[in-house]
Amino acid sequence: MDTRQAMHSTQAKTLDTEGLRRQFLIEEVFRPGEMTMTYSHIDRIVVGGVMPLAGPVGLPEGIGRTFGVDFFLQRREMGIINIGGPARVVIDGETVPVGSKEAVYIGMGARELAFSSVDPARPAKLYYNSAPAHRALPTKRLTLADASSTTLGDKRNGNRRTINKFLIPEVVETCQLSMGMTNLEEGSLWNTMPTHTHERRMEVYLYFDVDPDAAVFHLMGQPQETRHIVVHNEQAVISPSWSIHSGVGTRAYSFIWGMVGENQTYDDMDPVAVAALR
């Protein structure tokens, strides 16, 4: 497990390119036949991916001890969005099918997890976020039809996109975890601009559907002293609450956003005017 410590904004602005990437970029989310895990001290979020091949993949041996509990989800909840081929997730003996661009919420208290691909030639890519939880809530599978979906932006501003909100209170009850998937239309490049911060929540972005010869410039830092990280396909960026989180690609792409923090109010944002950015 890769552990990332929290960092104050005054220290972050002194980092060079390599320092920013080391602290905030998760370069390898999916590893064939394995489960990856990055533990951020920022709101104690855990981020990673599972890419099963011929056989099922389970939680790392003894992972509960790493978190000071008997098993990983003893005091945690988990959200999963599949960006690969069809998958099966076995939760304490119950099999939940998860198709491409579908999600599943797993409540606190689930002991045994196993992940498998229906067709190893088209392996599943199960991206997950996990957050501390205070009560057990039911597991729920979510399709795109279940999501709360909104299309925003326009071609003139290069930000025509559809936001599919999977883990929000209107769709499924969670303790604190929110997750969704945003798809940009062809010819659109910006995922959020004008940008914003949300002091009460941190956020992690997974960028995917990024062509091999394309990249996304993820913007971060305080509004008056911005930085950027160049992100390639299926890489994730950790965004502290003091940071803006916005991005522009060299071509259209998709991304999954996950948030944990004080509330689950999607529109609780502090907007930053473009003219105020530095």
C-alpha atoms as a PDB file:
ATOM      1  CA  MET A   1       0.000   0.000   0.000  1.00  0.00           C
ATOM      2  CA  ASP A   2       1.216   3.470  -0.938  1.00  0.00           C
ATOM      3  CA  THR A   3       0.671   6.009   1.857  1.00  0.00           C
ATOM      4  CA  ARG A   4       0.476   9.745   1.136  1.00  0.00           C
ATOM      5  CA  GLN A   5       0.719  12.224   3.998  1.00  0.00           C
ATOM      6  CA  ALA A   6      -1.338  15.413   4.106  1.00  0.00           C
ATOM      7  CA  MET A   7       0.430  18.606   3.037  1.00  0.00           C
ATOM      8  CA  HIS A   8      -0.106  22.263   3.881  1.00  0.00           C
ATOM      9  CA  SER A   9      -0.719  24.643   0.974  1.00  0.00           C
ATOM     10  CA  THR A  10       2.359  26.729   1.821  1.00  0.00           C
ATOM     11  CA  GLN A  11       4.587  23.676   1.478  1.00  0.00           C
ATOM     12  CA  ALA A  12       2.890  22.437  -1.693  1.00  0.00           C
ATOM     13  CA  LYS A  13       3.658  25.649  -3.568  1.00  0.00           C
ATOM     14  CA  THR A  14       7.413  25.091  -3.056  1.00  0.00           C
ATOM     15  CA  LEU A  15       7.404  21.733  -4.876  1.00  0.00           C
ATOM     16  CA  ASP A  16       8.853  21.256  -8.338  1.00  0.00           C
ATOM     17  CA  THR A  17       7.235  19.096 -11.021  1.00  0.00           C
ATOM     18  CA  GLU A  18       8.552  15.833  -9.619  1.00  0.00           C
ATOM     19  CA  GLY A  19       7.569  16.794  -6.080  1.00  0.00           C
ATOM     20  CA  LEU A  20       3.999  17.606  -7.110  1.00  0.00           C
ATOM     21  CA  ARG A  21       3.676  14.317  -8.977  1.00  0.00           C
ATOM     22  CA  ARG A  22       5.110  12.327  -6.068  1.00  0.00           C
ATOM     23  CA  GLN A  23       2.676  13.862  -3.561  1.00  0.00           C
ATOM     24  CA  PHE A  24      -0.556  14.119  -5.561  1.00  0.00           C
ATOM     25  CA  LEU A  25      -0.451  11.875  -8.665  1.00  0.00           C
ATOM     26  CA  ILE A  26      -1.272   8.159  -8.598  1.00  0.00           C
ATOM     27  CA  GLU A  27       0.487   6.940 -11.734  1.00  0.00           C
ATOM     28  CA  GLU A  28      -0.573   3.263 -11.685  1.00  0.00           C
ATOM     29  CA  VAL A  29      -4.171   2.621 -10.664  1.00  0.00           C
ATOM     30  CA  PHE A  30      -4.689  -0.651 -12.555  1.00  0.00           C
ATOM     31  CA  ARG A  31      -2.182  -3.503 -12.419  1.00  0.00           C
ATOM     32  CA  PRO A  32      -3.116  -6.732 -14.283  1.00  0.00           C
ATOM     33  CA  GLY A  33      -4.241  -9.459 -11.906  1.00  0.00           C
ATOM     34  CA  GLU A  34      -3.870  -7.292  -8.803  1.00  0.00           C
ATOM     35  CA  MET A  35      -5.522  -4.772  -6.499  1.00  0.00           C
ATOM     36  CA  THR A  36      -3.732  -1.463  -5.971  1.00  0.00           C
ATOM     37  CA  MET A  37      -4.235   0.714  -2.904  1.00  0.00           C
ATOM     38  CA  THR A  38      -3.200   4.296  -2.104  1.00  0.00           C
ATOM     39  CA  TYR A  39      -4.009   5.614   1.367  1.00  0.00           C
ATOM     40  CA  SER A  40      -4.168   9.394   1.671  1.00  0.00           C
ATOM     41  CA  HIS A  41      -4.111  11.037   5.082  1.00  0.00           C
ATOM     42  CA  ILE A  42      -6.317  13.768   3.569  1.00  0.00           C
ATOM     43  CA  ASP A  43      -9.687  12.771   5.057  1.00  0.00           C
ATOM     44  CA  ARG A  44      -8.378   9.168   5.214  1.00  0.00           C
ATOM     45  CA  ILE A  45      -9.534   8.263   1.716  1.00  0.00           C
ATOM     46  CA  VAL A  46      -8.293   5.035   0.097  1.00  0.00           C
ATOM     47  CA  VAL A  47      -8.071   4.976  -3.710  1.00  0.00           C
ATOM     48  CA  GLY A  48      -7.214   2.154  -6.068  1.00  0.00           C
ATOM     49  CA  GLY A  49      -8.149  -0.236  -8.819  1.00  0.00           C
ATOM     50  CA  VAL A  50      -8.767  -3.947  -9.317  1.00  0.00           C
ATOM     51  CA  MET A  51      -8.048  -5.588 -12.666  1.00  0.00           C
ATOM     52  CA  PRO A  52      -8.852  -9.328 -12.456  1.00  0.00           C
ATOM     53  CA  LEU A  53      -7.668 -11.622 -15.233  1.00  0.00           C
ATOM     54  CA  ALA A  54      -8.071 -15.417 -15.231  1.00  0.00           C
ATOM     55  CA  GLY A  55      -8.957 -15.727 -11.544  1.00  0.00           C
ATOM     56  CA  PRO A  56     -10.591 -13.677  -8.807  1.00  0.00           C
ATOM     57  CA  VAL A  57      -8.682 -11.008  -6.895  1.00  0.00           C
ATOM     58  CA  GLY A  58      -9.295 -10.489  -3.196  1.00  0.00           C
ATOM     59  CA  LEU A  59      -8.258  -7.914  -0.636  1.00  0.00           C
ATOM     60  CA  PRO A  60      -4.555  -7.927   0.285  1.00  0.00           C
ATOM     61  CA  GLU A  61      -3.709 -10.402   3.019  1.00  0.00           C
ATOM     62  CA  GLY A  62      -3.843  -8.853   6.479  1.00  0.00           C
ATOM     63  CA  ILE A  63      -4.934  -5.437   5.185  1.00  0.00           C
ATOM     64  CA  GLY A  64      -7.181  -4.932   8.209  1.00  0.00           C
ATOM     65  CA  ARG A  65      -4.164  -4.821  10.519  1.00  0.00           C
ATOM     66  CA  THR A  66      -2.748  -1.955   8.449  1.00  0.00           C
ATOM     67  CA  PHE A  67      -5.811   0.088   9.417  1.00  0.00           C
ATOM     68  CA  GLY A  68      -5.899  -1.119  13.014  1.00  0.00           C
ATOM     69  CA  VAL A  69      -9.078  -3.189  12.567  1.00  0.00           C
ATOM     70  CA  ASP A  70      -9.980  -6.823  12.024  1.00  0.00           C
ATOM     71  CA  PHE A  71     -10.934  -6.416   8.358  1.00  0.00           C
ATOM     72  CA  PHE A  72     -10.731  -3.613   5.794  1.00  0.00           C
ATOM     73  CA  LEU A  73     -14.361  -2.467   5.805  1.00  0.00           C
ATOM     74  CA  GLN A  74     -14.956  -2.916   9.532  1.00  0.00           C
ATOM     75  CA  ARG A  75     -15.091   0.905   9.884  1.00  0.00           C
ATOM     76  CA  ARG A  76     -15.201   1.887   6.198  1.00  0.00           C
ATOM     77  CA  GLU A  77     -17.502   2.088   3.186  1.00  0.00           C
ATOM     78  CA  MET A  78     -16.530   1.612  -0.467  1.00  0.00           C
ATOM     79  CA  GLY A  79     -17.744   2.817  -3.845  1.00  0.00           C
ATOM     80  CA  ILE A  80     -16.753   1.106  -7.108  1.00  0.00           C
ATOM     81  CA  ILE A  81     -17.182   2.212 -10.735  1.00  0.00           C
ATOM     82  CA  ASN A  82     -16.247  -0.226 -13.498  1.00  0.00           C
ATOM     83  CA  ILE A  83     -14.543   1.256 -16.573  1.00  0.00           C
ATOM     84  CA  GLY A  84     -13.571  -2.087 -18.126  1.00  0.00           C
ATOM     85  CA  GLY A  85     -15.353  -5.269 -19.189  1.00  0.00           C
ATOM     86  CA  PRO A  86     -18.189  -6.885 -17.199  1.00  0.00           C
ATOM     87  CA  ALA A  87     -17.297  -7.915 -13.654  1.00  0.00           C
ATOM     88  CA  ARG A  88     -18.560  -9.922 -10.714  1.00  0.00           C
ATOM     89  CA  VAL A  89     -18.063  -8.635  -7.183  1.00  0.00           C
ATOM     90  CA  VAL A  90     -18.628 -11.179  -4.419  1.00  0.00           C
ATOM     91  CA  ILE A  91     -19.508  -9.535  -1.096  1.00  0.00           C
ATOM     92  CA  ASP A  92     -19.715 -11.960   1.840  1.00  0.00           C
ATOM     93  CA  GLY A  93     -20.833 -14.715  -0.522  1.00  0.00           C
ATOM     94  CA  GLU A  94     -23.345 -12.638  -2.511  1.00  0.00           C
ATOM     95  CA  THR A  95     -22.476 -12.071  -6.183  1.00  0.00           C
ATOM     96  CA  VAL A  96     -23.178  -8.630  -7.639  1.00  0.00           C
ATOM     97  CA  PRO A  97     -22.763  -8.176 -11.438  1.00  0.00           C
ATOM     98  CA  VAL A  98     -21.170  -4.864 -12.407  1.00  0.00           C
ATOM     99  CA  GLY A  99     -21.211  -3.978 -16.094  1.00  0.00           C
ATOM    100  CA  SER A 100     -19.130  -1.367 -17.855  1.00  0.00           C
ATOM    101  CA  LYS A 101     -19.878   2.174 -16.598  1.00  0.00           C
ATOM    102  CA  GLU A 102     -21.869   0.735 -13.693  1.00  0.00           C
ATOM    103  CA  ALA A 103     -21.269   1.238  -9.973  1.00  0.00           C
ATOM    104  CA  VAL A 104     -21.742  -0.569  -6.693  1.00  0.00           C
ATOM    105  CA  TYR A 105     -21.852   0.787  -3.155  1.00  0.00           C
ATOM    106  CA  ILE A 106     -20.579  -1.498  -0.356  1.00  0.00           C
ATOM    107  CA  GLY A 107     -21.537  -0.539   3.172  1.00  0.00           C
ATOM    108  CA  MET A 108     -19.499  -0.721   6.349  1.00  0.00           C
ATOM    109  CA  GLY A 109     -19.097  -4.214   7.792  1.00  0.00           C
ATOM    110  CA  ALA A 110     -18.567  -6.294   4.645  1.00  0.00           C
ATOM    111  CA  ARG A 111     -15.860  -8.819   5.509  1.00  0.00           C
ATOM    112  CA  GLU A 112     -14.995 -10.798   2.393  1.00  0.00           C
ATOM    113  CA  LEU A 113     -14.607  -9.245  -1.058  1.00  0.00           C
ATOM    114  CA  ALA A 114     -13.610 -10.952  -4.309  1.00  0.00           C
ATOM    115  CA  PHE A 115     -13.439  -9.386  -7.755  1.00  0.00           C
ATOM    116  CA  SER A 116     -13.454 -11.231 -11.080  1.00  0.00           C
ATOM    117  CA  SER A 117     -13.803 -10.536 -14.797  1.00  0.00           C
ATOM    118  CA  VAL A 118     -16.600 -12.244 -16.724  1.00  0.00           C
ATOM    119  CA  ASP A 119     -14.263 -12.465 -19.753  1.00  0.00           C
ATOM    120  CA  PRO A 120     -10.513 -12.350 -19.015  1.00  0.00           C
ATOM    121  CA  ALA A 121      -9.954 -11.211 -22.607  1.00  0.00           C
ATOM    122  CA  ARG A 122     -11.950  -8.081 -21.704  1.00  0.00           C
ATOM    123  CA  PRO A 123     -10.843  -7.584 -18.109  1.00  0.00           C
ATOM    124  CA  ALA A 124     -12.847  -5.497 -15.692  1.00  0.00           C
ATOM    125  CA  LYS A 125     -11.251  -2.325 -14.352  1.00  0.00           C
ATOM    126  CA  LEU A 126     -12.886  -1.658 -11.020  1.00  0.00           C
ATOM    127  CA  TYR A 127     -11.937   1.758  -9.699  1.00  0.00           C
ATOM    128  CA  TYR A 128     -12.767   2.293  -6.034  1.00  0.00           C
ATOM    129  CA  ASN A 129     -12.777   4.924  -3.308  1.00  0.00           C
ATOM    130  CA  SER A 130     -13.140   4.035   0.367  1.00  0.00           C
ATOM    131  CA  ALA A 131     -13.872   6.388   3.269  1.00  0.00           C
ATOM    132  CA  PRO A 132     -14.287   6.032   7.042  1.00  0.00           C
ATOM    133  CA  ALA A 133     -17.894   5.244   7.962  1.00  0.00           C
ATOM    134  CA  HIS A 134     -19.957   5.348  11.154  1.00  0.00           C
ATOM    135  CA  ARG A 135     -22.833   2.977  10.351  1.00  0.00           C
ATOM    136  CA  ALA A 136     -23.684   0.052   8.109  1.00  0.00           C
ATOM    137  CA  LEU A 137     -25.783   0.776   5.029  1.00  0.00           C
ATOM    138  CA  PRO A 138     -27.076  -1.648   2.365  1.00  0.00           C
ATOM    139  CA  THR A 139     -25.037  -2.665  -0.640  1.00  0.00           C
ATOM    140  CA  LYS A 140     -26.501  -1.330  -3.872  1.00  0.00           C
ATOM    141  CA  ARG A 141     -25.725  -1.838  -7.552  1.00  0.00           C
ATOM    142  CA  LEU A 142     -26.223   1.211  -9.770  1.00  0.00           C
ATOM    143  CA  THR A 143     -26.552   1.424 -13.545  1.00  0.00           C
ATOM    144  CA  LEU A 144     -26.360   4.583 -15.648  1.00  0.00           C
ATOM    145  CA  ALA A 145     -30.164   4.629 -15.603  1.00  0.00           C
ATOM    146  CA  ASP A 146     -30.054   4.856 -11.796  1.00  0.00           C
ATOM    147  CA  ALA A 147     -27.610   7.780 -11.764  1.00  0.00           C
ATOM    148  CA  SER A 148     -28.699  11.390 -11.469  1.00  0.00           C
ATOM    149  CA  SER A 149     -27.446  12.737 -14.795  1.00  0.00           C
ATOM    150  CA  THR A 150     -27.044  16.325 -15.937  1.00  0.00           C
ATOM    151  CA  THR A 151     -25.613  17.750 -19.172  1.00  0.00           C
ATOM    152  CA  LEU A 152     -23.848  21.102 -18.814  1.00  0.00           C
ATOM    153  CA  GLY A 153     -21.659  23.457 -20.825  1.00  0.00           C
ATOM    154  CA  ASP A 154     -21.505  24.280 -24.514  1.00  0.00           C
ATOM    155  CA  LYS A 155     -19.166  23.989 -27.472  1.00  0.00           C
ATOM    156  CA  ARG A 156     -18.365  27.700 -27.423  1.00  0.00           C
ATOM    157  CA  ASN A 157     -16.670  27.257 -24.050  1.00  0.00           C
ATOM    158  CA  GLY A 158     -15.311  23.777 -24.848  1.00  0.00           C
ATOM    159  CA  ASN A 159     -16.987  22.145 -21.861  1.00  0.00           C
ATOM    160  CA  ARG A 160     -20.068  20.246 -23.060  1.00  0.00           C
ATOM    161  CA  ARG A 161     -20.241  17.291 -20.655  1.00  0.00           C
ATOM    162  CA  THR A 162     -22.611  14.872 -18.953  1.00  0.00           C
ATOM    163  CA  ILE A 163     -22.233  14.380 -15.190  1.00  0.00           C
ATOM    164  CA  ASN A 164     -23.501  11.016 -13.924  1.00  0.00           C
ATOM    165  CA  LYS A 165     -23.880  11.170 -10.127  1.00  0.00           C
ATOM    166  CA  PHE A 166     -23.877   7.628  -8.725  1.00  0.00           C
ATOM    167  CA  LEU A 167     -23.124   8.012  -5.020  1.00  0.00           C
ATOM    168  CA  ILE A 168     -25.104  11.046  -3.887  1.00  0.00           C
ATOM    169  CA  PRO A 169     -27.920  11.187  -1.293  1.00  0.00           C
ATOM    170  CA  GLU A 170     -30.636  11.415  -3.959  1.00  0.00           C
ATOM    171  CA  VAL A 171     -29.507   8.081  -5.444  1.00  0.00           C
ATOM    172  CA  VAL A 172     -28.040   5.966  -2.624  1.00  0.00           C
ATOM    173  CA  GLU A 173     -27.457   6.571   1.069  1.00  0.00           C
ATOM    174  CA  THR A 174     -23.805   6.572   2.156  1.00  0.00           C
ATOM    175  CA  CYS A 175     -22.045   7.823   5.271  1.00  0.00           C
ATOM    176  CA  GLN A 176     -19.852  10.406   3.548  1.00  0.00           C
ATOM    177  CA  LEU A 177     -18.587   9.082   0.221  1.00  0.00           C
ATOM    178  CA  SER A 178     -19.748  10.724  -3.016  1.00  0.00           C
ATOM    179  CA  MET A 179     -18.770   9.461  -6.476  1.00  0.00           C
ATOM    180  CA  GLY A 180     -19.702  10.068 -10.077  1.00  0.00           C
ATOM    181  CA  MET A 181     -18.502   9.909 -13.652  1.00  0.00           C
ATOM    182  CA  THR A 182     -18.254  12.772 -16.146  1.00  0.00           C
ATOM    183  CA  ASN A 183     -17.991  12.269 -19.918  1.00  0.00           C
ATOM    184  CA  LEU A 184     -16.898  15.106 -22.206  1.00  0.00           C
ATOM    185  CA  GLU A 185     -18.349  15.344 -25.697  1.00  0.00           C
ATOM    186  CA  GLU A 186     -16.075  15.299 -28.733  1.00  0.00           C
ATOM    187  CA  GLY A 187     -14.518  18.720 -29.207  1.00  0.00           C
ATOM    188  CA  SER A 188     -14.873  19.646 -25.525  1.00  0.00           C
ATOM    189  CA  LEU A 189     -11.755  19.851 -23.367  1.00  0.00           C
ATOM    190  CA  TRP A 190     -12.505  21.606 -20.051  1.00  0.00           C
ATOM    191  CA  ASN A 191     -13.967  19.623 -17.165  1.00  0.00           C
ATOM    192  CA  THR A 192     -14.519  22.631 -14.870  1.00  0.00           C
ATOM    193  CA  MET A 193     -13.963  26.285 -15.742  1.00  0.00           C
ATOM    194  CA  PRO A 194     -14.647  28.680 -14.085  1.00  0.00           C
ATOM    195  CA  THR A 195     -13.138  26.581 -11.341  1.00  0.00           C
ATOM    196  CA  HIS A 196     -13.884  26.338  -7.627  1.00  0.00           C
ATOM    197  CA  THR A 197     -12.697  24.975  -4.329  1.00  0.00           C
ATOM    198  CA  HIS A 198     -14.738  23.279  -1.640  1.00  0.00           C
ATOM    199  CA  GLU A 199     -13.175  23.866   1.746  1.00  0.00           C
ATOM    200  CA  ARG A 200     -15.323  21.211   3.392  1.00  0.00           C
ATOM    201  CA  ARG A 201     -14.441  18.305   1.067  1.00  0.00           C
ATOM    202  CA  MET A 202     -11.411  16.855  -0.653  1.00  0.00           C
ATOM    203  CA  GLU A 203     -11.630  15.215  -4.078  1.00  0.00           C
ATOM    204  CA  VAL A 204      -9.843  12.618  -6.175  1.00  0.00           C
ATOM    205  CA  TYR A 205     -10.050  12.514  -9.985  1.00  0.00           C
ATOM    206  CA  LEU A 206      -9.398   9.406 -12.105  1.00  0.00           C
ATOM    207  CA  TYR A 207      -8.870  10.354 -15.743  1.00  0.00           C
ATOM    208  CA  PHE A 208      -9.675   7.697 -18.348  1.00  0.00           C
ATOM    209  CA  ASP A 209     -10.624   7.366 -22.026  1.00  0.00           C
ATOM    210  CA  VAL A 210      -7.504   9.472 -22.642  1.00  0.00           C
ATOM    211  CA  ASP A 211      -5.969   8.545 -25.996  1.00  0.00           C
ATOM    212  CA  PRO A 212      -2.355   7.301 -25.935  1.00  0.00           C
ATOM    213  CA  ASP A 213      -1.104  10.442 -27.694  1.00  0.00           C
ATOM    214  CA  ALA A 214      -3.222  12.780 -25.544  1.00  0.00           C
ATOM    215  CA  ALA A 215      -2.930  14.159 -22.019  1.00  0.00           C
ATOM    216  CA  VAL A 216      -4.899  16.124 -19.456  1.00  0.00           C
ATOM    217  CA  PHE A 217      -3.422  19.160 -17.719  1.00  0.00           C
ATOM    218  CA  HIS A 218      -4.871  18.948 -14.214  1.00  0.00           C
ATOM    219  CA  LEU A 219      -4.880  22.314 -12.466  1.00  0.00           C
ATOM    220  CA  MET A 220      -4.399  22.522  -8.722  1.00  0.00           C
ATOM    221  CA  GLY A 221      -3.051  24.814  -6.027  1.00  0.00           C
ATOM    222  CA  GLN A 222      -4.558  27.873  -4.406  1.00  0.00           C
ATOM    223  CA  PRO A 223      -6.460  30.124  -6.830  1.00  0.00           C
ATOM    224  CA  GLN A 224      -3.851  32.901  -6.656  1.00  0.00           C
ATOM    225  CA  GLU A 225      -0.902  30.521  -7.092  1.00  0.00           C
ATOM    226  CA  THR A 226      -1.862  27.661  -9.374  1.00  0.00           C
ATOM    227  CA  ARG A 227       0.138  24.617 -10.417  1.00  0.00           C
ATOM    228  CA  HIS A 228      -0.480  21.846 -12.913  1.00  0.00           C
ATOM    229  CA  ILE A 229       0.145  18.111 -13.251  1.00  0.00           C
ATOM    230  CA  VAL A 230       0.230  16.361 -16.637  1.00  0.00           C
ATOM    231  CA  VAL A 231      -1.974  13.268 -16.385  1.00  0.00           C
ATOM    232  CA  HIS A 232      -2.204  10.327 -18.785  1.00  0.00           C
ATOM    233  CA  ASN A 233      -4.767   7.575 -19.204  1.00  0.00           C
ATOM    234  CA  GLU A 234      -6.060   5.834 -16.059  1.00  0.00           C
ATOM    235  CA  GLN A 235      -4.070   7.970 -13.650  1.00  0.00           C
ATOM    236  CA  ALA A 236      -5.560   9.698 -10.607  1.00  0.00           C
ATOM    237  CA  VAL A 237      -4.925  13.004  -8.843  1.00  0.00           C
ATOM    238  CA  ILE A 238      -5.488  13.753  -5.148  1.00  0.00           C
ATOM    239  CA  SER A 239      -6.920  17.266  -4.644  1.00  0.00           C
ATOM    240  CA  PRO A 240      -6.833  18.764  -1.118  1.00  0.00           C
ATOM    241  CA  SER A 241      -9.709  20.987  -0.018  1.00  0.00           C
ATOM    242  CA  TRP A 242      -7.545  24.132  -0.326  1.00  0.00           C
ATOM    243  CA  SER A 243      -6.858  23.411  -3.980  1.00  0.00           C
ATOM    244  CA  ILE A 244      -8.784  24.198  -7.120  1.00  0.00           C
ATOM    245  CA  HIS A 245      -9.502  21.102  -9.174  1.00  0.00           C
ATOM    246  CA  SER A 246      -9.973  21.635 -12.843  1.00  0.00           C
ATOM    247  CA  GLY A 247      -8.471  20.262 -15.988  1.00  0.00           C
ATOM    248  CA  VAL A 248      -8.154  20.635 -19.722  1.00  0.00           C
ATOM    249  CA  GLY A 249      -7.247  17.904 -22.161  1.00  0.00           C
ATOM    250  CA  THR A 250      -5.601  17.881 -25.537  1.00  0.00           C
ATOM    251  CA  ARG A 251      -8.632  15.820 -26.613  1.00  0.00           C
ATOM    252  CA  ALA A 252     -11.970  14.783 -25.069  1.00  0.00           C
ATOM    253  CA  TYR A 253     -11.768  12.333 -22.148  1.00  0.00           C
ATOM    254  CA  SER A 254     -13.749  11.049 -19.167  1.00  0.00           C
ATOM    255  CA  PHE A 255     -13.106  11.137 -15.447  1.00  0.00           C
ATOM    256  CA  ILE A 256     -14.438   9.764 -12.183  1.00  0.00           C
ATOM    257  CA  TRP A 257     -14.681  12.086  -9.210  1.00  0.00           C
ATOM    258  CA  GLY A 258     -14.858  11.007  -5.596  1.00  0.00           C
ATOM    259  CA  MET A 259     -15.292  13.242  -2.545  1.00  0.00           C
ATOM    260  CA  VAL A 260     -15.213  12.784   1.224  1.00  0.00           C
ATOM    261  CA  GLY A 261     -15.518  15.383   3.948  1.00  0.00           C
ATOM    262  CA  GLU A 262     -17.987  17.348   6.038  1.00  0.00           C
ATOM    263  CA  ASN A 263     -21.043  17.078   3.798  1.00  0.00           C
ATOM    264  CA  GLN A 264     -22.461  15.512   0.649  1.00  0.00           C
ATOM    265  CA  THR A 265     -23.930  18.655  -0.869  1.00  0.00           C
ATOM    266  CA  TYR A 266     -22.768  18.496  -4.479  1.00  0.00           C
ATOM    267  CA  ASP A 267     -23.247  22.234  -5.072  1.00  0.00           C
ATOM    268  CA  ASP A 268     -21.349  23.293  -1.930  1.00  0.00           C
ATOM    269  CA  MET A 269     -18.570  25.012  -3.880  1.00  0.00           C
ATOM    270  CA  ASP A 270     -16.645  28.255  -3.526  1.00  0.00           C
ATOM    271  CA  PRO A 271     -16.439  29.631  -7.099  1.00  0.00           C
ATOM    272  CA  VAL A 272     -13.324  31.356  -8.396  1.00  0.00           C
ATOM    273  CA  ALA A 273     -13.655  33.854 -11.230  1.00  0.00           C
ATOM    274  CA  VAL A 274     -11.299  33.320 -14.161  1.00  0.00           C
ATOM    275  CA  ALA A 275     -10.038  36.898 -13.751  1.00  0.00           C
ATOM    276  CA  ALA A 276      -8.951  36.076 -10.166  1.00  0.00           C
ATOM    277  CA  LEU A 277      -6.732  33.119 -11.134  1.00  0.00           C
ATOM    278  CA  ARG A 278      -2.979  33.502 -11.085  1.00  0.00           C
END
